[in-house]
Amino acid sequence: MSRSGRRPPGRAGPPSGEAWGIVGTLVAGCGFWGLVGYGVDRLLGTGVVFLPVGVIVGMGGALYLVIYRFGRHY
């Protein structure tokens, strides 16, 4: 890849900036909603019930955002 961030002709795949954006979105979604689930568990004293629910909801939301944001390029 050149310094301008453009792909050379004939190279397939997303530029590395978009790849890191996808990874960051997935990690942030799982992390944020996982923390929300952890906080709900702490407030309600339910052990570890809402933490996995939060992580799953975060992954689903992050996947939706990745497909919506980055999917229209290809």
PDB file of N, CA and C in Angstrom:
ATOM      1  N   MET A   1       0.847  -1.167   0.000  1.00  0.00           N
ATOM      2  CA  MET A   1       0.000   0.000   0.000  1.00  0.00           C
ATOM      3  C   MET A   1       0.892   1.230   0.000  1.00  0.00           C
ATOM      4  N   SER A   2       0.494   2.226  -0.719  1.00  0.00           N
ATOM      5  CA  SER A   2       1.280   3.447  -0.800  1.00  0.00           C
ATOM      6  C   SER A   2       1.008   4.330   0.412  1.00  0.00           C
ATOM      7  N   ARG A   3       1.788   5.382   0.527  1.00  0.00           N
ATOM      8  CA  ARG A   3       1.643   6.288   1.670  1.00  0.00           C
ATOM      9  C   ARG A   3       0.314   7.033   1.652  1.00  0.00           C
ATOM     10  N   SER A   4      -0.282   7.176   0.497  1.00  0.00           N
ATOM     11  CA  SER A   4      -1.546   7.908   0.409  1.00  0.00           C
ATOM     12  C   SER A   4      -2.721   7.091   0.934  1.00  0.00           C
ATOM     13  N   GLY A   5      -2.510   5.812   1.240  1.00  0.00           N
ATOM     14  CA  GLY A   5      -3.580   4.963   1.744  1.00  0.00           C
ATOM     15  C   GLY A   5      -4.372   4.273   0.656  1.00  0.00           C
ATOM     16  N   ARG A   6      -4.003   4.464  -0.582  1.00  0.00           N
ATOM     17  CA  ARG A   6      -4.703   3.809  -1.691  1.00  0.00           C
ATOM     18  C   ARG A   6      -4.043   2.480  -1.993  1.00  0.00           C
ATOM     19  N   ARG A   7      -4.874   1.550  -2.451  1.00  0.00           N
ATOM     20  CA  ARG A   7      -4.353   0.250  -2.843  1.00  0.00           C
ATOM     21  C   ARG A   7      -3.740   0.339  -4.227  1.00  0.00           C
ATOM     22  N   PRO A   8      -2.621  -0.383  -4.439  1.00  0.00           N
ATOM     23  CA  PRO A   8      -2.098  -0.476  -5.795  1.00  0.00           C
ATOM     24  C   PRO A   8      -3.076  -1.238  -6.675  1.00  0.00           C
ATOM     25  N   PRO A   9      -3.106  -0.976  -7.962  1.00  0.00           N
ATOM     26  CA  PRO A   9      -4.030  -1.692  -8.849  1.00  0.00           C
ATOM     27  C   PRO A   9      -3.789  -3.200  -8.796  1.00  0.00           C
ATOM     28  N   GLY A  10      -4.871  -3.953  -8.789  1.00  0.00           N
ATOM     29  CA  GLY A  10      -4.763  -5.408  -8.824  1.00  0.00           C
ATOM     30  C   GLY A  10      -4.712  -6.066  -7.462  1.00  0.00           C
ATOM     31  N   ARG A  11      -4.637  -5.308  -6.384  1.00  0.00           N
ATOM     32  CA  ARG A  11      -4.611  -5.917  -5.048  1.00  0.00           C
ATOM     33  C   ARG A  11      -6.024  -6.000  -4.512  1.00  0.00           C
ATOM     34  N   ALA A  12      -6.382  -7.175  -4.024  1.00  0.00           N
ATOM     35  CA  ALA A  12      -7.717  -7.386  -3.475  1.00  0.00           C
ATOM     36  C   ALA A  12      -7.703  -7.166  -1.972  1.00  0.00           C
ATOM     37  N   GLY A  13      -8.887  -6.931  -1.432  1.00  0.00           N
ATOM     38  CA  GLY A  13      -9.036  -6.807   0.010  1.00  0.00           C
ATOM     39  C   GLY A  13      -9.131  -5.365   0.451  1.00  0.00           C
ATOM     40  N   PRO A  14      -9.649  -5.183   1.671  1.00  0.00           N
ATOM     41  CA  PRO A  14      -9.811  -3.825   2.174  1.00  0.00           C
ATOM     42  C   PRO A  14      -8.476  -3.228   2.604  1.00  0.00           C
ATOM     43  N   PRO A  15      -8.346  -1.918   2.538  1.00  0.00           N
ATOM     44  CA  PRO A  15      -7.151  -1.274   3.079  1.00  0.00           C
ATOM     45  C   PRO A  15      -7.057  -1.527   4.576  1.00  0.00           C
ATOM     46  N   SER A  16      -5.850  -1.486   5.110  1.00  0.00           N
ATOM     47  CA  SER A  16      -5.648  -1.859   6.509  1.00  0.00           C
ATOM     48  C   SER A  16      -6.391  -0.925   7.461  1.00  0.00           C
ATOM     49  N   GLY A  17      -6.608   0.337   7.092  1.00  0.00           N
ATOM     50  CA  GLY A  17      -7.344   1.247   7.959  1.00  0.00           C
ATOM     51  C   GLY A  17      -8.770   0.782   8.179  1.00  0.00           C
ATOM     52  N   GLU A  18      -9.401   0.275   7.144  1.00  0.00           N
ATOM     53  CA  GLU A  18     -10.756  -0.247   7.282  1.00  0.00           C
ATOM     54  C   GLU A  18     -10.764  -1.522   8.106  1.00  0.00           C
ATOM     55  N   ALA A  19      -9.758  -2.355   7.946  1.00  0.00           N
ATOM     56  CA  ALA A  19      -9.691  -3.597   8.724  1.00  0.00           C
ATOM     57  C   ALA A  19      -9.588  -3.283  10.213  1.00  0.00           C
ATOM     58  N   TRP A  20      -8.759  -2.309  10.576  1.00  0.00           N
ATOM     59  CA  TRP A  20      -8.647  -1.935  11.986  1.00  0.00           C
ATOM     60  C   TRP A  20      -9.924  -1.276  12.476  1.00  0.00           C
ATOM     61  N   GLY A  21     -10.626  -0.575  11.602  1.00  0.00           N
ATOM     62  CA  GLY A  21     -11.914  -0.005  11.975  1.00  0.00           C
ATOM     63  C   GLY A  21     -12.940  -1.078  12.293  1.00  0.00           C
ATOM     64  N   ILE A  22     -12.931  -2.148  11.510  1.00  0.00           N
ATOM     65  CA  ILE A  22     -13.840  -3.272  11.755  1.00  0.00           C
ATOM     66  C   ILE A  22     -13.511  -3.945  13.076  1.00  0.00           C
ATOM     67  N   VAL A  23     -12.231  -4.225  13.305  1.00  0.00           N
ATOM     68  CA  VAL A  23     -11.809  -4.869  14.553  1.00  0.00           C
ATOM     69  C   VAL A  23     -12.151  -3.983  15.747  1.00  0.00           C
ATOM     70  N   GLY A  24     -11.883  -2.694  15.626  1.00  0.00           N
ATOM     71  CA  GLY A  24     -12.176  -1.775  16.718  1.00  0.00           C
ATOM     72  C   GLY A  24     -13.657  -1.695  17.035  1.00  0.00           C
ATOM     73  N   THR A  25     -14.488  -1.703  16.012  1.00  0.00           N
ATOM     74  CA  THR A  25     -15.939  -1.663  16.217  1.00  0.00           C
ATOM     75  C   THR A  25     -16.418  -2.916  16.938  1.00  0.00           C
ATOM     76  N   LEU A  26     -15.908  -4.080  16.532  1.00  0.00           N
ATOM     77  CA  LEU A  26     -16.320  -5.331  17.173  1.00  0.00           C
ATOM     78  C   LEU A  26     -15.876  -5.389  18.634  1.00  0.00           C
ATOM     79  N   VAL A  27     -14.640  -4.991  18.901  1.00  0.00           N
ATOM     80  CA  VAL A  27     -14.125  -5.020  20.273  1.00  0.00           C
ATOM     81  C   VAL A  27     -14.865  -4.008  21.148  1.00  0.00           C
ATOM     82  N   ALA A  28     -15.092  -2.807  20.609  1.00  0.00           N
ATOM     83  CA  ALA A  28     -15.776  -1.777  21.389  1.00  0.00           C
ATOM     84  C   ALA A  28     -17.215  -2.171  21.703  1.00  0.00           C
ATOM     85  N   GLY A  29     -17.903  -2.780  20.734  1.00  0.00           N
ATOM     86  CA  GLY A  29     -19.280  -3.204  20.976  1.00  0.00           C
ATOM     87  C   GLY A  29     -19.368  -4.251  22.068  1.00  0.00           C
ATOM     88  N   CYS A  30     -18.516  -5.257  21.984  1.00  0.00           N
ATOM     89  CA  CYS A  30     -18.507  -6.309  23.016  1.00  0.00           C
ATOM     90  C   CYS A  30     -18.094  -5.743  24.367  1.00  0.00           C
ATOM     91  N   GLY A  31     -17.090  -4.895  24.355  1.00  0.00           N
ATOM     92  CA  GLY A  31     -16.598  -4.335  25.621  1.00  0.00           C
ATOM     93  C   GLY A  31     -17.610  -3.441  26.293  1.00  0.00           C
ATOM     94  N   PHE A  32     -18.212  -2.523  25.541  1.00  0.00           N
ATOM     95  CA  PHE A  32     -19.165  -1.588  26.141  1.00  0.00           C
ATOM     96  C   PHE A  32     -20.384  -2.310  26.692  1.00  0.00           C
ATOM     97  N   TRP A  33     -21.021  -3.139  25.858  1.00  0.00           N
ATOM     98  CA  TRP A  33     -22.234  -3.807  26.316  1.00  0.00           C
ATOM     99  C   TRP A  33     -21.938  -4.891  27.342  1.00  0.00           C
ATOM    100  N   GLY A  34     -20.726  -5.458  27.293  1.00  0.00           N
ATOM    101  CA  GLY A  34     -20.315  -6.373  28.358  1.00  0.00           C
ATOM    102  C   GLY A  34     -20.204  -5.656  29.694  1.00  0.00           C
ATOM    103  N   LEU A  35     -19.660  -4.436  29.673  1.00  0.00           N
ATOM    104  CA  LEU A  35     -19.584  -3.649  30.907  1.00  0.00           C
ATOM    105  C   LEU A  35     -20.965  -3.230  31.401  1.00  0.00           C
ATOM    106  N   VAL A  36     -21.860  -2.924  30.482  1.00  0.00           N
ATOM    107  CA  VAL A  36     -23.235  -2.610  30.882  1.00  0.00           C
ATOM    108  C   VAL A  36     -23.863  -3.829  31.561  1.00  0.00           C
ATOM    109  N   GLY A  37     -23.683  -5.006  30.968  1.00  0.00           N
ATOM    110  CA  GLY A  37     -24.202  -6.229  31.581  1.00  0.00           C
ATOM    111  C   GLY A  37     -23.586  -6.505  32.937  1.00  0.00           C
ATOM    112  N   TYR A  38     -22.296  -6.259  33.065  1.00  0.00           N
ATOM    113  CA  TYR A  38     -21.610  -6.432  34.354  1.00  0.00           C
ATOM    114  C   TYR A  38     -22.193  -5.472  35.395  1.00  0.00           C
ATOM    115  N   GLY A  39     -22.434  -4.228  34.984  1.00  0.00           N
ATOM    116  CA  GLY A  39     -23.013  -3.258  35.910  1.00  0.00           C
ATOM    117  C   GLY A  39     -24.408  -3.655  36.357  1.00  0.00           C
ATOM    118  N   VAL A  40     -25.206  -4.178  35.438  1.00  0.00           N
ATOM    119  CA  VAL A  40     -26.550  -4.637  35.799  1.00  0.00           C
ATOM    120  C   VAL A  40     -26.453  -5.812  36.762  1.00  0.00           C
ATOM    121  N   ASP A  41     -25.512  -6.725  36.515  1.00  0.00           N
ATOM    122  CA  ASP A  41     -25.307  -7.850  37.435  1.00  0.00           C
ATOM    123  C   ASP A  41     -24.935  -7.359  38.829  1.00  0.00           C
ATOM    124  N   ARG A  42     -24.073  -6.374  38.897  1.00  0.00           N
ATOM    125  CA  ARG A  42     -23.661  -5.832  40.203  1.00  0.00           C
ATOM    126  C   ARG A  42     -24.828  -5.151  40.913  1.00  0.00           C
ATOM    127  N   LEU A  43     -25.622  -4.389  40.162  1.00  0.00           N
ATOM    128  CA  LEU A  43     -26.748  -3.684  40.780  1.00  0.00           C
ATOM    129  C   LEU A  43     -27.816  -4.647  41.294  1.00  0.00           C
ATOM    130  N   LEU A  44     -28.086  -5.693  40.516  1.00  0.00           N
ATOM    131  CA  LEU A  44     -29.147  -6.625  40.887  1.00  0.00           C
ATOM    132  C   LEU A  44     -28.646  -7.789  41.735  1.00  0.00           C
ATOM    133  N   GLY A  45     -27.328  -7.968  41.825  1.00  0.00           N
ATOM    134  CA  GLY A  45     -26.771  -9.081  42.596  1.00  0.00           C
ATOM    135  C   GLY A  45     -27.088 -10.432  42.003  1.00  0.00           C
ATOM    136  N   THR A  46     -27.090 -10.526  40.671  1.00  0.00           N
ATOM    137  CA  THR A  46     -27.488 -11.773  40.015  1.00  0.00           C
ATOM    138  C   THR A  46     -26.324 -12.675  39.626  1.00  0.00           C
ATOM    139  N   GLY A  47     -25.133 -12.404  40.059  1.00  0.00           N
ATOM    140  CA  GLY A  47     -23.997 -13.236  39.677  1.00  0.00           C
ATOM    141  C   GLY A  47     -23.537 -12.882  38.277  1.00  0.00           C
ATOM    142  N   VAL A  48     -23.511 -13.872  37.403  1.00  0.00           N
ATOM    143  CA  VAL A  48     -23.038 -13.642  36.032  1.00  0.00           C
ATOM    144  C   VAL A  48     -24.157 -14.026  35.063  1.00  0.00           C
ATOM    145  N   VAL A  49     -25.211 -13.228  35.030  1.00  0.00           N
ATOM    146  CA  VAL A  49     -26.323 -13.495  34.133  1.00  0.00           C
ATOM    147  C   VAL A  49     -26.320 -12.513  32.971  1.00  0.00           C
ATOM    148  N   PHE A  50     -26.219 -11.230  33.275  1.00  0.00           N
ATOM    149  CA  PHE A  50     -26.344 -10.211  32.242  1.00  0.00           C
ATOM    150  C   PHE A  50     -25.033  -9.908  31.525  1.00  0.00           C
ATOM    151  N   LEU A  51     -23.910 -10.304  32.086  1.00  0.00           N
ATOM    152  CA  LEU A  51     -22.622 -10.093  31.408  1.00  0.00           C
ATOM    153  C   LEU A  51     -22.572 -10.803  30.063  1.00  0.00           C
ATOM    154  N   PRO A  52     -22.852 -12.112  29.982  1.00  0.00           N
ATOM    155  CA  PRO A  52     -22.848 -12.751  28.657  1.00  0.00           C
ATOM    156  C   PRO A  52     -23.943 -12.218  27.735  1.00  0.00           C
ATOM    157  N   VAL A  53     -25.075 -11.832  28.307  1.00  0.00           N
ATOM    158  CA  VAL A  53     -26.138 -11.248  27.482  1.00  0.00           C
ATOM    159  C   VAL A  53     -25.644  -9.942  26.874  1.00  0.00           C
ATOM    160  N   GLY A  54     -24.965  -9.122  27.669  1.00  0.00           N
ATOM    161  CA  GLY A  54     -24.421  -7.868  27.169  1.00  0.00           C
ATOM    162  C   GLY A  54     -23.382  -8.072  26.089  1.00  0.00           C
ATOM    163  N   VAL A  55     -22.524  -9.068  26.253  1.00  0.00           N
ATOM    164  CA  VAL A  55     -21.503  -9.344  25.244  1.00  0.00           C
ATOM    165  C   VAL A  55     -22.155  -9.798  23.937  1.00  0.00           C
ATOM    166  N   ILE A  56     -23.162 -10.645  24.021  1.00  0.00           N
ATOM    167  CA  ILE A  56     -23.848 -11.126  22.821  1.00  0.00           C
ATOM    168  C   ILE A  56     -24.595  -9.986  22.133  1.00  0.00           C
ATOM    169  N   VAL A  57     -25.269  -9.153  22.911  1.00  0.00           N
ATOM    170  CA  VAL A  57     -25.973  -8.005  22.333  1.00  0.00           C
ATOM    171  C   VAL A  57     -24.965  -7.054  21.683  1.00  0.00           C
ATOM    172  N   GLY A  58     -23.832  -6.836  22.349  1.00  0.00           N
ATOM    173  CA  GLY A  58     -22.791  -5.975  21.794  1.00  0.00           C
ATOM    174  C   GLY A  58     -22.216  -6.518  20.503  1.00  0.00           C
ATOM    175  N   MET A  59     -22.006  -7.821  20.428  1.00  0.00           N
ATOM    176  CA  MET A  59     -21.486  -8.424  19.200  1.00  0.00           C
ATOM    177  C   MET A  59     -22.499  -8.306  18.071  1.00  0.00           C
ATOM    178  N   GLY A  60     -23.760  -8.539  18.381  1.00  0.00           N
ATOM    179  CA  GLY A  60     -24.790  -8.406  17.353  1.00  0.00           C
ATOM    180  C   GLY A  60     -24.891  -6.982  16.839  1.00  0.00           C
ATOM    181  N   GLY A  61     -24.895  -6.022  17.742  1.00  0.00           N
ATOM    182  CA  GLY A  61     -24.951  -4.626  17.331  1.00  0.00           C
ATOM    183  C   GLY A  61     -23.716  -4.202  16.554  1.00  0.00           C
ATOM    184  N   ALA A  62     -22.556  -4.667  16.979  1.00  0.00           N
ATOM    185  CA  ALA A  62     -21.319  -4.323  16.281  1.00  0.00           C
ATOM    186  C   ALA A  62     -21.283  -4.949  14.886  1.00  0.00           C
ATOM    187  N   LEU A  63     -21.744  -6.174  14.759  1.00  0.00           N
ATOM    188  CA  LEU A  63     -21.803  -6.799  13.435  1.00  0.00           C
ATOM    189  C   LEU A  63     -22.740  -6.032  12.504  1.00  0.00           C
ATOM    190  N   TYR A  64     -23.871  -5.595  13.048  1.00  0.00           N
ATOM    191  CA  TYR A  64     -24.791  -4.789  12.249  1.00  0.00           C
ATOM    192  C   TYR A  64     -24.106  -3.504  11.781  1.00  0.00           C
ATOM    193  N   LEU A  65     -23.414  -2.823  12.693  1.00  0.00           N
ATOM    194  CA  LEU A  65     -22.732  -1.588  12.319  1.00  0.00           C
ATOM    195  C   LEU A  65     -21.631  -1.823  11.297  1.00  0.00           C
ATOM    196  N   VAL A  66     -20.887  -2.918  11.437  1.00  0.00           N
ATOM    197  CA  VAL A  66     -19.821  -3.222  10.483  1.00  0.00           C
ATOM    198  C   VAL A  66     -20.406  -3.476   9.101  1.00  0.00           C
ATOM    199  N   ILE A  67     -21.475  -4.251   9.041  1.00  0.00           N
ATOM    200  CA  ILE A  67     -22.091  -4.533   7.744  1.00  0.00           C
ATOM    201  C   ILE A  67     -22.668  -3.259   7.150  1.00  0.00           C
ATOM    202  N   TYR A  68     -23.301  -2.430   7.970  1.00  0.00           N
ATOM    203  CA  TYR A  68     -23.898  -1.193   7.480  1.00  0.00           C
ATOM    204  C   TYR A  68     -22.824  -0.194   7.035  1.00  0.00           C
ATOM    205  N   ARG A  69     -21.785  -0.062   7.833  1.00  0.00           N
ATOM    206  CA  ARG A  69     -20.774   0.957   7.554  1.00  0.00           C
ATOM    207  C   ARG A  69     -19.769   0.544   6.493  1.00  0.00           C
ATOM    208  N   PHE A  70     -19.262  -0.681   6.588  1.00  0.00           N
ATOM    209  CA  PHE A  70     -18.197  -1.111   5.690  1.00  0.00           C
ATOM    210  C   PHE A  70     -18.694  -2.005   4.564  1.00  0.00           C
ATOM    211  N   GLY A  71     -19.882  -2.542   4.654  1.00  0.00           N
ATOM    212  CA  GLY A  71     -20.381  -3.486   3.659  1.00  0.00           C
ATOM    213  C   GLY A  71     -20.755  -2.844   2.348  1.00  0.00           C
ATOM    214  N   ARG A  72     -21.063  -1.573   2.332  1.00  0.00           N
ATOM    215  CA  ARG A  72     -21.498  -0.946   1.093  1.00  0.00           C
ATOM    216  C   ARG A  72     -20.339  -0.610   0.164  1.00  0.00           C
ATOM    217  N   HIS A  73     -19.107  -0.774   0.626  1.00  0.00           N
ATOM    218  CA  HIS A  73     -17.937  -0.510  -0.216  1.00  0.00           C
ATOM    219  C   HIS A  73     -17.662  -1.639  -1.212  1.00  0.00           C
ATOM    220  N   TYR A  74     -18.157  -2.851  -0.905  1.00  0.00           N
ATOM    221  CA  TYR A  74     -17.757  -4.010  -1.709  1.00  0.00           C
ATOM    222  C   TYR A  74     -18.929  -4.594  -2.423  1.00  0.00           C
TER     223      TYR A  74
END
